[in-house]
């Protein structure tokens, strides 16, 4: 989600192979998100601190991945934590 808008929904229990995609920012920045069966992460970003990259794989709903400079939040939603939501 960015600024309250869901950018993409991914059902992690339906992911069969790793894939990546770019989330482009209005200011020209980017985050490259990687999805694999059971997990999601920020693989690469051009933000100054790269904390979102350092957070690693998100595999449960304990804490979201956050990129403050790009206002991007990735969280797992649902009772069983099977949905990955790029927010």
C-alpha atoms as a PDB file:
ATOM      1  CA  UNK A   1       0.000   0.000   0.000  1.00  0.00           C
ATOM      2  CA  UNK A   2       1.153   3.502  -0.711  1.00  0.00           C
ATOM      3  CA  UNK A   3      -0.742   6.474   0.678  1.00  0.00           C
ATOM      4  CA  UNK A   4      -3.756   4.308   1.534  1.00  0.00           C
ATOM      5  CA  UNK A   5      -3.993   2.668  -1.899  1.00  0.00           C
ATOM      6  CA  UNK A   6      -3.481  -1.078  -2.393  1.00  0.00           C
ATOM      7  CA  UNK A   7      -1.087  -1.480  -5.298  1.00  0.00           C
ATOM      8  CA  UNK A   8      -1.181  -5.265  -5.677  1.00  0.00           C
ATOM      9  CA  UNK A   9      -2.557  -8.356  -3.906  1.00  0.00           C
ATOM     10  CA  UNK A  10      -0.725 -11.656  -4.031  1.00  0.00           C
ATOM     11  CA  UNK A  11      -2.032 -14.924  -2.671  1.00  0.00           C
ATOM     12  CA  UNK A  12       1.154 -16.526  -1.362  1.00  0.00           C
ATOM     13  CA  UNK A  13      -0.431 -19.967  -1.122  1.00  0.00           C
ATOM     14  CA  UNK A  14      -0.936 -19.843  -4.911  1.00  0.00           C
ATOM     15  CA  UNK A  15       2.605 -18.763  -5.780  1.00  0.00           C
ATOM     16  CA  UNK A  16       4.426 -21.683  -7.415  1.00  0.00           C
ATOM     17  CA  UNK A  17       7.669 -20.021  -8.515  1.00  0.00           C
ATOM     18  CA  UNK A  18       9.739 -17.007  -7.549  1.00  0.00           C
ATOM     19  CA  UNK A  19       8.991 -13.780  -9.387  1.00  0.00           C
ATOM     20  CA  UNK A  20       9.881 -10.134  -8.955  1.00  0.00           C
ATOM     21  CA  UNK A  21       8.304  -6.848  -9.962  1.00  0.00           C
ATOM     22  CA  UNK A  22       9.084  -3.170  -9.648  1.00  0.00           C
ATOM     23  CA  UNK A  23       7.037  -0.728  -7.598  1.00  0.00           C
ATOM     24  CA  UNK A  24       7.793   2.682  -9.072  1.00  0.00           C
ATOM     25  CA  UNK A  25       7.403   5.829  -6.987  1.00  0.00           C
ATOM     26  CA  UNK A  26       6.015   9.169  -8.129  1.00  0.00           C
ATOM     27  CA  UNK A  27       9.374  10.801  -7.296  1.00  0.00           C
ATOM     28  CA  UNK A  28      11.245   8.470  -9.664  1.00  0.00           C
ATOM     29  CA  UNK A  29      12.390   6.017  -6.978  1.00  0.00           C
ATOM     30  CA  UNK A  30      11.691   2.296  -6.953  1.00  0.00           C
ATOM     31  CA  UNK A  31      11.443  -0.873  -4.892  1.00  0.00           C
ATOM     32  CA  UNK A  32      11.900  -4.292  -6.481  1.00  0.00           C
ATOM     33  CA  UNK A  33       9.703  -6.817  -4.695  1.00  0.00           C
ATOM     34  CA  UNK A  34      10.381 -10.552  -4.855  1.00  0.00           C
ATOM     35  CA  UNK A  35       7.732 -13.183  -4.167  1.00  0.00           C
ATOM     36  CA  UNK A  36       8.300 -16.894  -3.621  1.00  0.00           C
ATOM     37  CA  UNK A  37       6.041 -19.631  -2.293  1.00  0.00           C
ATOM     38  CA  UNK A  38       5.296 -18.600   1.297  1.00  0.00           C
ATOM     39  CA  UNK A  39       7.215 -15.315   1.378  1.00  0.00           C
ATOM     40  CA  UNK A  40       7.718 -11.800   0.060  1.00  0.00           C
ATOM     41  CA  UNK A  41      10.571  -9.298   0.410  1.00  0.00           C
ATOM     42  CA  UNK A  42      12.044  -6.099  -0.978  1.00  0.00           C
ATOM     43  CA  UNK A  43      14.967  -7.350  -3.031  1.00  0.00           C
ATOM     44  CA  UNK A  44      16.305  -3.948  -4.071  1.00  0.00           C
ATOM     45  CA  UNK A  45      15.473  -0.282  -3.476  1.00  0.00           C
ATOM     46  CA  UNK A  46      17.035   3.068  -4.254  1.00  0.00           C
ATOM     47  CA  UNK A  47      15.982   4.679  -0.967  1.00  0.00           C
ATOM     48  CA  UNK A  48      18.807   6.157   1.137  1.00  0.00           C
ATOM     49  CA  UNK A  49      18.647   3.792   4.131  1.00  0.00           C
ATOM     50  CA  UNK A  50      17.540   0.493   2.484  1.00  0.00           C
ATOM     51  CA  UNK A  51      15.944  -0.678   5.746  1.00  0.00           C
ATOM     52  CA  UNK A  52      13.187  -2.292   3.676  1.00  0.00           C
ATOM     53  CA  UNK A  53      15.794  -4.517   1.985  1.00  0.00           C
ATOM     54  CA  UNK A  54      17.457  -5.367   5.301  1.00  0.00           C
ATOM     55  CA  UNK A  55      14.131  -6.587   6.746  1.00  0.00           C
ATOM     56  CA  UNK A  56      14.441  -9.743   4.635  1.00  0.00           C
ATOM     57  CA  UNK A  57      11.673 -12.239   3.911  1.00  0.00           C
ATOM     58  CA  UNK A  58       8.213 -11.667   5.315  1.00  0.00           C
ATOM     59  CA  UNK A  59       6.691 -15.075   6.030  1.00  0.00           C
ATOM     60  CA  UNK A  60       4.202 -14.307   8.800  1.00  0.00           C
ATOM     61  CA  UNK A  61       1.989 -11.434   9.863  1.00  0.00           C
ATOM     62  CA  UNK A  62       4.118 -10.425  12.873  1.00  0.00           C
ATOM     63  CA  UNK A  63       5.442  -7.189  11.329  1.00  0.00           C
ATOM     64  CA  UNK A  64       5.185  -5.520   7.907  1.00  0.00           C
ATOM     65  CA  UNK A  65       7.995  -4.462   5.617  1.00  0.00           C
ATOM     66  CA  UNK A  66       8.096  -0.667   5.504  1.00  0.00           C
ATOM     67  CA  UNK A  67       9.947   1.705   3.183  1.00  0.00           C
ATOM     68  CA  UNK A  68       9.361   5.138   4.669  1.00  0.00           C
ATOM     69  CA  UNK A  69      11.150   7.155   1.965  1.00  0.00           C
ATOM     70  CA  UNK A  70       8.895   5.595  -0.710  1.00  0.00           C
ATOM     71  CA  UNK A  71       5.834   5.355   1.591  1.00  0.00           C
ATOM     72  CA  UNK A  72       5.492   1.629   0.814  1.00  0.00           C
ATOM     73  CA  UNK A  73       4.117  -0.973   3.232  1.00  0.00           C
ATOM     74  CA  UNK A  74       4.043  -4.713   2.530  1.00  0.00           C
ATOM     75  CA  UNK A  75       2.130  -6.884   4.947  1.00  0.00           C
ATOM     76  CA  UNK A  76       0.669 -10.339   5.186  1.00  0.00           C
ATOM     77  CA  UNK A  77      -3.061 -10.266   5.732  1.00  0.00           C
ATOM     78  CA  UNK A  78      -5.615 -12.845   6.679  1.00  0.00           C
ATOM     79  CA  UNK A  79      -6.131 -15.254   9.518  1.00  0.00           C
ATOM     80  CA  UNK A  80      -3.759 -17.818   8.016  1.00  0.00           C
ATOM     81  CA  UNK A  81      -1.216 -15.282   6.738  1.00  0.00           C
ATOM     82  CA  UNK A  82      -1.471 -16.565   3.177  1.00  0.00           C
ATOM     83  CA  UNK A  83      -2.087 -13.250   1.445  1.00  0.00           C
ATOM     84  CA  UNK A  84       0.735 -10.867   0.640  1.00  0.00           C
ATOM     85  CA  UNK A  85      -0.446  -7.327   0.204  1.00  0.00           C
ATOM     86  CA  UNK A  86       1.788  -4.668  -1.266  1.00  0.00           C
ATOM     87  CA  UNK A  87       0.515  -1.502   0.264  1.00  0.00           C
END
